[in-house]
Amino acid sequence: MDIQKILNDLYAMEPELRSREQEVIKIINELLASRPDTKFDEKFRLALRERLLTRANELEAGARLARARPARRFQPLSWLFIGAGAAASVLLVFSFVKNNIRPGLFDLKNAQTSVTKLADNAFGNLLLEEKAAAGATAGPDAAAPAPAQKQEKREIALGSPAPSAPVAAYGRGSAGVATGIAEPGKTIAPDYPVYDVYKYAYKGEPIMEILKQVQDDNGGQDDSGTMQVLKRIKGGDASFGQLSSLLSGARLGIDWNKFSGIKVQNISFSENRDRGYSVYVDLNESSVSINQNWSNWTRSSDMVVSPEYYKPLRVSDLPGDDKIIAAADKFLRDYGIPTDSYGPPEIQKDWLIGYGVAAVKDSGTAEYYAPDSLTVIYPLKVEGKNIYEESGYKSGLSVAVNAHGLTVQNVYNLTSQQYESSGYAAEKDASRLQKLAEAGGWRQEFYAAEQGPNARVVKIELGTPSVELVKIWTYKDNASQELLVPSLIFPITKKPTNAYFYQKNIIVPLIKDILTNF
């Protein structure tokens, strides 16, 4: 089975995994070794994701991988269609895309974002599916209330008084397990792991003043107390028409005339040249991803003869930031990918956190290596506001650059930028918003646990928030919705220097419907 093709389709559905490619490849190989006759289907993907999430708890970057994302419908896999169809002309594919996709639903060439304003509450209730489903069961025949443990979890997340016993809040990206190595002369109780228990404290300006400023600046909140929620328009599926003749010519032994109402959901094609690229077009999500066509890259003459491509890099070996960004800029220019909707590029350097912590803990004799690939993010801006992921990191166009040869490895998160907007009731209770921030914010998935004798309390301080837009996924009627929700972005101004703490910001949405999901 072609692992690179597995990665292509996996990243199209789970783009956040690209930063852990070596770990992903290792786990894929383990799964294939245990089940050599397996196929990459939905069951395989879920098994892979479960293994990654389990492994994430043991990795310094685990918090980034464990971020919950709503499930998406499993898409047809590009590597299932090989053989005669692979020899089809790329020109025919481009002609098909140009002539069959509904106009306006998949416009990546338009460099500017567009927003169409609708009536208030036009997107319906913004409750996430699991929450709405729970509410729908209420009534005389409804199931018994959730166990006390779940209720306790919700109370902590909302900042309510904790139970009488000492309680610590643990959550994705905000708690860690220490190494468990005892200091000289000390022992660790065998039944208790060593936990870093993070306590958040707000140290910024009064939040009420922030809310007033938003209203005074007309930054989204109007006199009726609503703020605009944006939804990205997607779904540029295409009719089967012209593509059916191509498949018929491939002699796959299928009578395509027996099928009806067929729509093309995704297309993939590859350059058959030295250092060529593979392109995956997802018509459901109106997105495009680009990867190296690895089979051709591994045959590249300089990769075969030059040991430099396989030499581990030290931090001192890395090219300067300007060279990394220049390589990404050139690729986007060469392939006509517009960046007008994006801010100045930034290089992701989260790996330095782990590097720094390891260097501090080490006696000074070990050597530490830098990653082979560095990711450049072009932060997305919509109506003048930065867009953030639910993890608290900036969202935008992602370009991975190989540090050895300054070649681009992949491009992700290239999506249409057409939106609809609708007004929704905003939360005005500053006290509640602060409690939510000090409980860890959105998507922290807290649970209550008694502090063991080896628990270590680490204080985290939050600064004055800005009002930005956060990309939140909902799943309704068997389809995902990508919303941009006005939210408070609390910068973390004080965090531990001797622990693998990757979080940069705390997210608190300002829309009441969304807050119901806490």
Protein backbone atom coordinates (compact mmCIF):
# COMPACT_ATOMS: atom_id res chain seq x y z
CA MET A 1 0.00 0.00 0.00
CA ASP A 2 1.33 3.47 -0.94
CA ILE A 3 1.92 5.25 2.38
CA GLN A 4 2.29 8.66 0.75
CA LYS A 5 -1.18 8.36 -0.77
CA ILE A 6 -2.53 7.39 2.66
CA LEU A 7 -0.90 10.53 4.06
CA ASN A 8 -2.35 12.70 1.30
CA ASP A 9 -5.93 11.70 2.04
CA LEU A 10 -5.40 11.55 5.81
CA TYR A 11 -4.05 15.12 5.87
CA ALA A 12 -6.95 16.31 3.74
CA MET A 13 -9.29 15.15 6.53
CA GLU A 14 -7.00 15.72 9.55
CA PRO A 15 -4.62 18.56 8.53
CA GLU A 16 -3.32 19.09 12.07
CA LEU A 17 -1.53 15.71 11.88
CA ARG A 18 0.94 16.97 9.28
CA SER A 19 3.22 18.37 11.98
CA ARG A 20 3.72 14.80 13.29
CA GLU A 21 4.38 13.11 9.96
CA GLN A 22 7.19 10.84 11.13
CA GLU A 23 5.09 9.59 14.04
CA VAL A 24 2.11 9.09 11.71
CA ILE A 25 4.21 7.06 9.26
CA LYS A 26 5.56 4.92 12.08
CA ILE A 27 2.08 4.11 13.37
CA ILE A 28 0.78 3.41 9.84
CA ASN A 29 3.59 0.90 9.36
CA GLU A 30 2.77 -0.71 12.71
CA LEU A 31 -0.88 -1.08 11.75
CA LEU A 32 -0.04 -2.46 8.31
CA ALA A 33 2.42 -4.92 9.83
CA SER A 34 -0.20 -6.22 12.24
CA ARG A 35 -2.85 -6.41 9.50
CA PRO A 36 -1.06 -6.78 6.14
CA ASP A 37 -4.27 -7.38 4.19
CA THR A 38 -5.98 -4.24 5.49
CA LYS A 39 -7.39 -1.44 3.37
CA PHE A 40 -7.37 2.24 4.23
CA ASP A 41 -11.03 2.78 4.97
CA GLU A 42 -12.98 4.57 7.69
CA LYS A 43 -12.22 1.81 10.19
CA PHE A 44 -8.50 2.07 9.49
CA ARG A 45 -8.57 5.87 9.78
CA LEU A 46 -10.32 5.73 13.15
CA ALA A 47 -7.88 3.10 14.41
CA LEU A 48 -4.99 5.25 13.27
CA ARG A 49 -6.45 8.35 14.93
CA GLU A 50 -7.00 6.43 18.18
CA ARG A 51 -3.39 5.26 18.18
CA LEU A 52 -2.21 8.81 17.56
CA LEU A 53 -4.31 10.22 20.38
CA THR A 54 -3.01 7.54 22.74
CA ARG A 55 0.56 8.23 21.71
CA ALA A 56 -0.03 11.97 22.04
CA ASN A 57 -0.22 11.74 25.81
CA GLU A 58 3.37 10.49 25.82
CA LEU A 59 4.70 13.15 23.45
CA GLU A 60 5.60 16.70 24.25
CA ALA A 61 3.40 17.90 21.43
CA GLY A 62 0.51 15.67 22.34
CA ALA A 63 -1.80 18.53 23.14
CA ARG A 64 -1.79 19.67 19.52
CA LEU A 65 -2.77 16.23 18.25
CA ALA A 66 -5.46 15.55 20.84
CA ARG A 67 -7.60 18.53 19.84
CA ALA A 68 -11.13 17.31 19.25
CA ARG A 69 -12.50 17.87 15.77
CA PRO A 70 -15.93 16.92 14.53
CA ALA A 71 -15.94 13.83 12.36
CA ARG A 72 -16.26 14.32 8.64
CA ARG A 73 -17.75 11.95 6.16
CA PHE A 74 -15.13 9.61 4.81
CA GLN A 75 -14.22 10.59 1.28
CA PRO A 76 -13.42 8.26 -1.62
CA LEU A 77 -9.71 7.48 -1.61
CA SER A 78 -7.54 8.57 -4.49
CA TRP A 79 -5.26 5.56 -4.43
CA LEU A 80 -8.12 3.14 -5.11
CA PHE A 81 -8.20 4.36 -8.70
CA ILE A 82 -4.86 3.46 -10.25
CA GLY A 83 -3.72 1.76 -13.39
CA ALA A 84 -5.21 2.89 -16.68
CA GLY A 85 -6.88 5.95 -15.16
CA ALA A 86 -3.53 7.24 -13.88
CA ALA A 87 -2.38 7.85 -17.45
CA ALA A 88 -5.20 10.29 -18.18
CA SER A 89 -4.27 13.74 -19.38
CA VAL A 90 -4.05 16.42 -16.70
CA LEU A 91 -5.56 18.79 -19.25
CA LEU A 92 -8.73 16.72 -19.30
CA VAL A 93 -8.97 16.96 -15.51
CA PHE A 94 -8.56 20.74 -15.59
CA SER A 95 -11.13 20.97 -18.38
CA PHE A 96 -13.54 18.90 -16.31
CA VAL A 97 -13.07 21.09 -13.23
CA LYS A 98 -13.49 24.27 -15.23
CA ASN A 99 -16.62 23.20 -17.11
CA ASN A 100 -18.52 21.15 -14.53
CA ILE A 101 -18.12 22.78 -11.10
CA ARG A 102 -20.97 25.10 -10.22
CA PRO A 103 -19.76 28.71 -10.57
CA GLY A 104 -19.12 30.68 -7.39
CA LEU A 105 -19.01 27.71 -5.01
CA PHE A 106 -15.33 26.95 -5.43
CA ASP A 107 -13.52 30.20 -6.10
CA LEU A 108 -9.91 29.95 -4.93
CA LYS A 109 -8.61 32.39 -7.51
CA ASN A 110 -10.52 35.29 -5.98
CA ALA A 111 -7.89 36.76 -3.68
CA GLN A 112 -10.36 38.76 -1.59
CA THR A 113 -12.82 37.43 0.96
CA SER A 114 -16.49 38.17 0.44
CA VAL A 115 -19.21 38.20 3.10
CA THR A 116 -22.95 38.16 2.38
CA LYS A 117 -25.06 39.33 5.32
CA LEU A 118 -28.22 37.37 6.13
CA ALA A 119 -31.01 37.79 8.67
CA ASP A 120 -30.36 37.06 12.34
CA ASN A 121 -30.14 33.39 13.40
CA ALA A 122 -30.03 32.31 9.75
CA PHE A 123 -27.84 29.28 10.52
CA GLY A 124 -30.29 27.86 13.06
CA ASN A 125 -29.32 26.83 16.57
CA LEU A 126 -25.54 26.73 16.93
CA LEU A 127 -25.57 23.97 19.53
CA LEU A 128 -23.12 21.27 18.60
CA GLU A 129 -24.77 18.05 17.45
CA GLU A 130 -24.12 16.04 20.61
CA LYS A 131 -25.57 18.81 22.79
CA ALA A 132 -28.64 19.26 20.62
CA ALA A 133 -29.23 15.52 20.54
CA ALA A 134 -29.10 15.35 24.32
CA GLY A 135 -31.69 18.12 24.58
CA ALA A 136 -33.97 16.41 22.09
CA THR A 137 -34.30 13.39 24.37
CA ALA A 138 -35.68 15.38 27.28
CA GLY A 139 -39.18 14.37 28.37
CA PRO A 140 -41.06 11.75 30.37
CA ASP A 141 -39.31 8.90 28.58
CA ALA A 142 -35.87 10.48 28.57
CA ALA A 143 -32.90 8.66 29.97
CA ALA A 144 -31.73 9.28 33.51
CA PRO A 145 -29.61 12.38 34.16
CA ALA A 146 -25.89 12.16 33.56
CA PRO A 147 -23.82 10.70 36.40
CA ALA A 148 -22.56 13.07 39.06
CA GLN A 149 -19.05 12.93 37.60
CA LYS A 150 -20.21 14.49 34.32
CA GLN A 151 -22.14 17.19 36.12
CA GLU A 152 -19.08 17.91 38.22
CA LYS A 153 -17.02 18.23 35.03
CA ARG A 154 -19.41 20.81 33.61
CA GLU A 155 -19.47 22.83 36.82
CA ILE A 156 -15.71 23.13 36.89
CA ALA A 157 -15.62 24.16 33.24
CA LEU A 158 -18.16 26.91 33.97
CA GLY A 159 -16.12 28.19 36.88
CA SER A 160 -18.65 27.15 39.55
CA PRO A 161 -17.53 26.33 43.08
CA ALA A 162 -15.52 23.14 43.23
CA PRO A 163 -16.53 20.16 45.39
CA SER A 164 -15.39 20.17 48.99
CA ALA A 165 -12.47 17.82 48.35
CA PRO A 166 -9.30 19.32 46.85
CA VAL A 167 -9.81 19.32 43.11
CA ALA A 168 -7.56 19.96 40.14
CA ALA A 169 -8.63 20.66 36.59
CA TYR A 170 -6.87 18.85 33.82
CA GLY A 171 -7.51 19.50 30.15
CA ARG A 172 -6.13 19.32 26.64
CA GLY A 173 -3.09 21.51 26.37
CA SER A 174 -3.30 22.66 29.96
CA ALA A 175 -2.05 19.82 32.10
CA GLY A 176 0.88 17.48 31.93
CA VAL A 177 2.44 14.46 33.52
CA ALA A 178 5.95 14.95 34.78
CA THR A 179 8.77 12.57 34.01
CA GLY A 180 8.41 10.78 37.31
CA ILE A 181 12.16 10.87 37.96
CA ALA A 182 12.79 11.51 41.61
CA GLU A 183 15.24 14.12 42.80
CA PRO A 184 18.26 12.81 44.71
CA GLY A 185 17.30 11.81 48.20
CA LYS A 186 13.57 11.81 47.43
CA THR A 187 11.13 9.11 46.42
CA ILE A 188 7.85 9.16 44.57
CA ALA A 189 4.83 7.32 45.91
CA PRO A 190 4.37 4.33 43.58
CA ASP A 191 0.60 4.75 43.26
CA TYR A 192 0.60 8.41 42.24
CA PRO A 193 1.99 9.90 39.04
CA VAL A 194 3.51 13.36 39.17
CA TYR A 195 1.03 15.85 37.72
CA ASP A 196 1.54 19.42 36.67
CA VAL A 197 -1.76 21.04 37.65
CA TYR A 198 -2.22 24.35 35.86
CA LYS A 199 -4.16 27.13 37.52
CA TYR A 200 -5.23 30.04 35.32
CA ALA A 201 -5.48 33.58 36.69
CA TYR A 202 -6.65 36.63 34.74
CA LYS A 203 -4.38 39.67 35.15
CA GLY A 204 -5.62 41.96 32.40
CA GLU A 205 -7.92 44.94 32.08
CA PRO A 206 -11.56 44.60 33.26
CA ILE A 207 -13.39 42.48 30.70
CA MET A 208 -16.43 44.74 30.92
CA GLU A 209 -14.28 47.51 29.46
CA ILE A 210 -13.31 45.24 26.57
CA LEU A 211 -16.97 44.51 25.83
CA LYS A 212 -17.84 48.21 25.95
CA GLN A 213 -15.01 49.02 23.57
CA VAL A 214 -16.29 46.42 21.10
CA GLN A 215 -19.70 48.04 21.09
CA ASP A 216 -18.28 51.57 20.89
CA ASP A 217 -16.11 50.62 17.92
CA ASN A 218 -19.03 48.81 16.28
CA GLY A 219 -16.66 45.89 15.93
CA GLY A 220 -19.45 43.41 15.42
CA GLN A 221 -21.86 44.01 18.30
CA ASP A 222 -24.86 46.23 17.54
CA ASP A 223 -27.51 47.86 19.71
CA SER A 224 -29.58 44.68 19.79
CA GLY A 225 -26.77 42.81 21.56
CA THR A 226 -25.93 40.53 18.64
CA MET A 227 -22.63 39.77 16.96
CA GLN A 228 -22.04 38.45 13.46
CA VAL A 229 -21.22 34.75 13.06
CA LEU A 230 -19.75 33.81 9.68
CA LYS A 231 -20.16 30.51 7.85
CA ARG A 232 -17.87 29.52 5.01
CA ILE A 233 -19.68 28.65 1.79
CA LYS A 234 -18.50 25.35 0.39
CA GLY A 235 -19.78 22.33 -1.48
CA GLY A 236 -18.78 22.93 -5.11
CA ASP A 237 -19.56 19.38 -6.23
CA ALA A 238 -19.63 18.68 -9.96
CA SER A 239 -21.75 16.63 -12.32
CA PHE A 240 -20.32 13.33 -13.55
CA GLY A 241 -20.68 14.22 -17.26
CA GLN A 242 -17.28 14.54 -18.87
CA LEU A 243 -15.47 12.42 -16.30
CA SER A 244 -17.62 9.38 -17.13
CA SER A 245 -16.11 9.20 -20.62
CA LEU A 246 -12.62 9.16 -19.10
CA LEU A 247 -13.52 6.31 -16.74
CA SER A 248 -15.22 4.38 -19.52
CA GLY A 249 -12.04 4.62 -21.56
CA ALA A 250 -10.09 3.18 -18.64
CA ARG A 251 -11.97 -0.15 -19.07
CA LEU A 252 -12.69 -0.66 -15.40
CA GLY A 253 -15.49 -3.08 -16.23
CA ILE A 254 -18.26 -0.90 -14.79
CA ASP A 255 -21.34 0.29 -16.65
CA TRP A 256 -21.51 3.90 -15.48
CA ASN A 257 -24.90 4.34 -17.10
CA LYS A 258 -26.40 2.18 -14.34
CA PHE A 259 -25.65 4.86 -11.77
CA SER A 260 -27.78 7.96 -11.38
CA GLY A 261 -27.39 11.34 -9.70
CA ILE A 262 -23.63 10.94 -9.48
CA LYS A 263 -21.63 13.95 -8.33
CA VAL A 264 -17.89 14.19 -8.11
CA GLN A 265 -16.72 14.90 -4.56
CA ASN A 266 -12.95 14.93 -4.97
CA ILE A 267 -10.26 14.72 -7.60
CA SER A 268 -6.55 13.96 -7.30
CA PHE A 269 -3.77 14.02 -9.85
CA SER A 270 0.03 13.95 -9.86
CA GLU A 271 2.87 15.35 -11.92
CA ASN A 272 4.87 12.56 -13.55
CA ARG A 273 8.22 14.37 -13.46
CA ASP A 274 11.27 14.72 -11.31
CA ARG A 275 10.28 16.60 -8.14
CA GLY A 276 6.66 16.72 -9.18
CA TYR A 277 3.66 17.36 -6.93
CA SER A 278 0.34 15.68 -6.23
CA VAL A 279 -2.82 17.76 -5.92
CA TYR A 280 -5.96 16.79 -4.00
CA VAL A 281 -9.13 18.78 -4.74
CA ASP A 282 -11.95 18.32 -2.20
CA LEU A 283 -15.13 19.64 -3.78
CA ASN A 284 -17.18 19.00 -0.63
CA GLU A 285 -14.95 21.24 1.47
CA SER A 286 -13.94 23.59 -1.36
CA SER A 287 -10.29 23.05 -0.52
CA VAL A 288 -7.06 22.07 -2.22
CA SER A 289 -3.95 20.45 -0.79
CA ILE A 290 -0.60 19.94 -2.51
CA ASN A 291 2.05 17.37 -1.62
CA GLN A 292 5.29 16.15 -3.07
CA ASN A 293 4.76 13.19 -5.40
CA TRP A 294 7.11 11.24 -3.20
CA SER A 295 7.81 8.40 -5.64
CA ASN A 296 9.42 10.91 -8.01
CA TRP A 297 11.19 12.88 -5.30
CA THR A 298 12.93 9.80 -3.88
CA ARG A 299 14.34 9.09 -7.35
CA SER A 300 15.70 12.64 -7.62
CA SER A 301 19.42 12.46 -8.41
CA ASP A 302 20.61 14.77 -5.64
CA MET A 303 18.56 12.89 -3.02
CA VAL A 304 20.11 9.61 -4.15
CA VAL A 305 23.73 10.74 -4.20
CA SER A 306 23.78 13.43 -1.52
CA PRO A 307 23.96 12.33 2.13
CA GLU A 308 23.00 15.88 3.12
CA TYR A 309 19.33 15.01 2.57
CA TYR A 310 19.51 12.39 5.31
CA LYS A 311 21.81 14.15 7.75
CA PRO A 312 20.15 15.12 11.06
CA LEU A 313 20.06 18.86 11.53
CA ARG A 314 21.20 20.75 14.58
CA VAL A 315 19.56 24.06 15.38
CA SER A 316 22.65 25.84 14.13
CA ASP A 317 22.25 24.11 10.74
CA LEU A 318 18.80 25.55 10.05
CA PRO A 319 18.47 28.16 7.29
CA GLY A 320 17.51 31.65 8.40
CA ASP A 321 13.84 32.54 8.72
CA ASP A 322 14.12 34.82 5.70
CA LYS A 323 15.26 31.93 3.50
CA ILE A 324 12.47 29.63 4.70
CA ILE A 325 9.84 32.30 4.06
CA ALA A 326 11.38 33.19 0.69
CA ALA A 327 11.09 29.55 -0.42
CA ALA A 328 7.41 29.45 0.58
CA ASP A 329 6.71 32.81 -1.10
CA LYS A 330 8.35 31.69 -4.34
CA PHE A 331 6.33 28.46 -4.48
CA LEU A 332 3.06 30.32 -4.02
CA ARG A 333 4.01 32.84 -6.71
CA ASP A 334 5.18 30.16 -9.14
CA TYR A 335 1.90 28.25 -8.82
CA GLY A 336 -0.32 31.34 -8.86
CA ILE A 337 -1.68 30.90 -5.33
CA PRO A 338 -2.95 34.31 -4.10
CA THR A 339 -2.16 35.53 -0.59
CA ASP A 340 -4.10 38.82 -0.54
CA SER A 341 -6.42 37.59 2.24
CA TYR A 342 -3.52 36.65 4.49
CA GLY A 343 -1.20 38.50 6.81
CA PRO A 344 2.62 38.44 6.80
CA PRO A 345 3.99 34.88 7.00
CA GLU A 346 5.13 33.42 10.32
CA ILE A 347 7.23 30.33 11.00
CA GLN A 348 5.83 27.86 13.52
CA LYS A 349 8.43 27.27 16.20
CA ASP A 350 6.60 25.20 18.78
CA TRP A 351 9.32 22.57 18.53
CA LEU A 352 11.67 25.01 20.28
CA ILE A 353 9.62 24.60 23.46
CA GLY A 354 10.46 20.92 23.67
CA TYR A 355 14.03 21.63 22.64
CA GLY A 356 14.45 24.24 25.36
CA VAL A 357 12.92 22.10 28.11
CA ALA A 358 15.06 19.12 27.17
CA ALA A 359 18.19 21.27 27.12
CA VAL A 360 17.39 22.63 30.59
CA LYS A 361 16.87 19.15 32.03
CA ASP A 362 19.92 17.65 30.33
CA SER A 363 23.36 17.63 31.90
CA GLY A 364 24.78 19.27 28.80
CA THR A 365 26.22 16.18 27.13
CA ALA A 366 23.35 15.33 24.79
CA GLU A 367 22.89 16.61 21.25
CA TYR A 368 19.52 17.97 20.21
CA TYR A 369 18.30 17.97 16.64
CA ALA A 370 16.01 20.29 14.76
CA PRO A 371 13.09 19.19 12.55
CA ASP A 372 13.72 18.49 8.86
CA SER A 373 10.63 20.46 7.88
CA LEU A 374 9.52 23.91 9.03
CA THR A 375 5.97 25.19 8.59
CA VAL A 376 5.22 28.69 7.36
CA ILE A 377 1.76 30.02 8.24
CA TYR A 378 0.13 32.86 6.32
CA PRO A 379 -2.45 34.02 8.92
CA LEU A 380 -5.94 34.39 7.48
CA LYS A 381 -7.81 37.66 8.02
CA VAL A 382 -11.53 38.17 7.46
CA GLU A 383 -13.02 41.64 7.74
CA GLY A 384 -9.85 42.85 9.43
CA LYS A 385 -9.87 40.21 12.18
CA ASN A 386 -7.40 37.40 12.73
CA ILE A 387 -8.76 33.87 12.46
CA TYR A 388 -7.82 31.35 15.14
CA GLU A 389 -8.19 27.59 15.40
CA GLU A 390 -9.98 26.13 18.41
CA SER A 391 -6.56 25.29 19.83
CA GLY A 392 -5.72 28.99 20.14
CA TYR A 393 -3.26 29.04 17.26
CA LYS A 394 -3.64 31.30 14.25
CA SER A 395 -5.37 29.73 11.26
CA GLY A 396 -4.20 30.27 7.73
CA LEU A 397 -2.48 28.93 4.66
CA SER A 398 0.18 26.39 5.65
CA VAL A 399 3.36 25.76 3.63
CA ALA A 400 5.92 23.19 4.83
CA VAL A 401 9.50 23.81 3.67
CA ASN A 402 12.25 21.20 3.79
CA ALA A 403 15.18 22.63 5.73
CA HIS A 404 17.78 20.63 3.77
CA GLY A 405 17.09 21.87 0.26
CA LEU A 406 14.60 24.73 0.83
CA THR A 407 12.00 22.88 -1.23
CA VAL A 408 8.28 22.98 -0.48
CA GLN A 409 6.91 19.68 0.82
CA ASN A 410 3.21 20.49 1.05
CA VAL A 411 0.55 23.19 1.07
CA TYR A 412 -2.59 22.90 3.20
CA ASN A 413 -5.65 24.89 4.18
CA LEU A 414 -6.06 26.47 0.75
CA THR A 415 -9.81 27.06 0.81
CA SER A 416 -12.50 29.23 -0.69
CA GLN A 417 -13.06 32.50 1.18
CA GLN A 418 -16.71 33.22 0.50
CA TYR A 419 -18.87 33.58 3.62
CA GLU A 420 -22.37 34.28 4.83
CA SER A 421 -22.92 36.12 8.11
CA SER A 422 -25.80 36.23 10.56
CA GLY A 423 -26.39 37.97 13.90
CA TYR A 424 -26.55 35.91 17.11
CA ALA A 425 -27.07 36.92 20.73
CA ALA A 426 -23.81 37.82 22.46
CA GLU A 427 -22.82 37.10 26.06
CA LYS A 428 -22.60 40.33 28.11
CA ASP A 429 -21.78 38.85 31.52
CA ALA A 430 -18.12 39.81 32.00
CA SER A 431 -17.87 37.77 35.21
CA ARG A 432 -18.97 34.60 33.44
CA LEU A 433 -16.54 35.18 30.58
CA GLN A 434 -13.65 35.61 33.02
CA LYS A 435 -14.59 32.42 34.89
CA LEU A 436 -14.65 30.52 31.62
CA ALA A 437 -11.19 31.83 30.75
CA GLU A 438 -9.81 30.89 34.17
CA ALA A 439 -11.30 27.42 33.75
CA GLY A 440 -9.16 26.96 30.65
CA GLY A 441 -11.50 28.21 27.95
CA TRP A 442 -13.04 26.47 24.98
CA ARG A 443 -12.47 22.78 24.26
CA GLN A 444 -10.47 22.07 27.39
CA GLU A 445 -12.45 18.92 28.28
CA PHE A 446 -11.85 19.25 32.00
CA TYR A 447 -12.37 16.51 34.50
CA ALA A 448 -12.11 16.63 38.28
CA ALA A 449 -9.53 14.61 40.15
CA GLU A 450 -8.18 14.66 43.66
CA GLN A 451 -4.68 16.00 43.90
CA GLY A 452 -2.27 13.23 44.72
CA PRO A 453 0.71 13.82 47.00
CA ASN A 454 2.91 14.45 43.95
CA ALA A 455 0.70 17.05 42.27
CA ARG A 456 2.55 20.23 41.37
CA VAL A 457 0.53 23.41 41.00
CA VAL A 458 1.75 25.66 38.19
CA LYS A 459 0.29 29.15 37.83
CA ILE A 460 -0.61 30.45 34.38
CA GLU A 461 -1.41 34.14 33.89
CA LEU A 462 -3.73 35.52 31.20
CA GLY A 463 -3.46 39.01 29.73
CA THR A 464 -6.03 41.41 28.28
CA PRO A 465 -7.95 39.70 25.47
CA SER A 466 -8.61 40.90 21.94
CA VAL A 467 -11.81 40.17 20.02
CA GLU A 468 -11.08 37.95 17.02
CA LEU A 469 -12.80 35.16 15.06
CA VAL A 470 -12.38 31.48 15.92
CA LYS A 471 -12.98 28.67 13.44
CA ILE A 472 -15.43 26.27 15.11
CA TRP A 473 -16.72 23.14 13.41
CA THR A 474 -20.27 21.94 13.94
CA TYR A 475 -21.84 18.81 12.50
CA LYS A 476 -25.51 18.91 11.55
CA ASP A 477 -27.68 16.95 9.16
CA ASN A 478 -24.77 14.69 8.21
CA ALA A 479 -22.66 17.63 7.09
CA SER A 480 -19.97 19.74 8.73
CA GLN A 481 -20.27 23.51 9.03
CA GLU A 482 -17.27 25.77 9.36
CA LEU A 483 -18.18 28.80 11.46
CA LEU A 484 -16.15 31.87 12.33
CA VAL A 485 -17.31 32.84 15.81
CA PRO A 486 -16.48 36.15 17.58
CA SER A 487 -14.39 35.24 20.61
CA LEU A 488 -12.14 36.64 23.29
CA ILE A 489 -8.52 35.63 22.71
CA PHE A 490 -6.66 35.71 26.04
CA PRO A 491 -2.87 35.69 25.56
CA ILE A 492 -0.95 33.55 28.02
CA THR A 493 1.53 35.98 29.53
CA LYS A 494 3.15 33.71 32.11
CA LYS A 495 3.72 29.99 31.71
CA PRO A 496 6.17 27.36 32.96
CA THR A 497 9.61 27.27 31.42
CA ASN A 498 10.47 23.77 32.62
CA ALA A 499 7.48 21.89 31.19
CA TYR A 500 6.12 21.00 27.76
CA PHE A 501 3.47 23.70 27.72
CA TYR A 502 2.49 24.56 24.13
CA GLN A 503 -0.64 26.62 24.58
CA LYS A 504 -0.39 30.28 23.52
CA ASN A 505 -3.93 31.58 23.97
CA ILE A 506 -7.17 30.80 25.78
CA ILE A 507 -10.35 30.95 23.68
CA VAL A 508 -13.74 32.06 25.03
CA PRO A 509 -16.53 32.42 22.43
CA LEU A 510 -18.86 35.41 22.81
CA ILE A 511 -21.98 33.81 21.30
CA LYS A 512 -24.50 32.43 23.80
CA ASP A 513 -25.47 29.45 21.64
CA ILE A 514 -21.84 28.37 21.48
CA LEU A 515 -21.27 28.93 25.21
CA THR A 516 -24.07 26.45 25.88
CA ASN A 517 -21.67 23.80 24.61
CA PHE A 518 -19.21 24.37 27.46
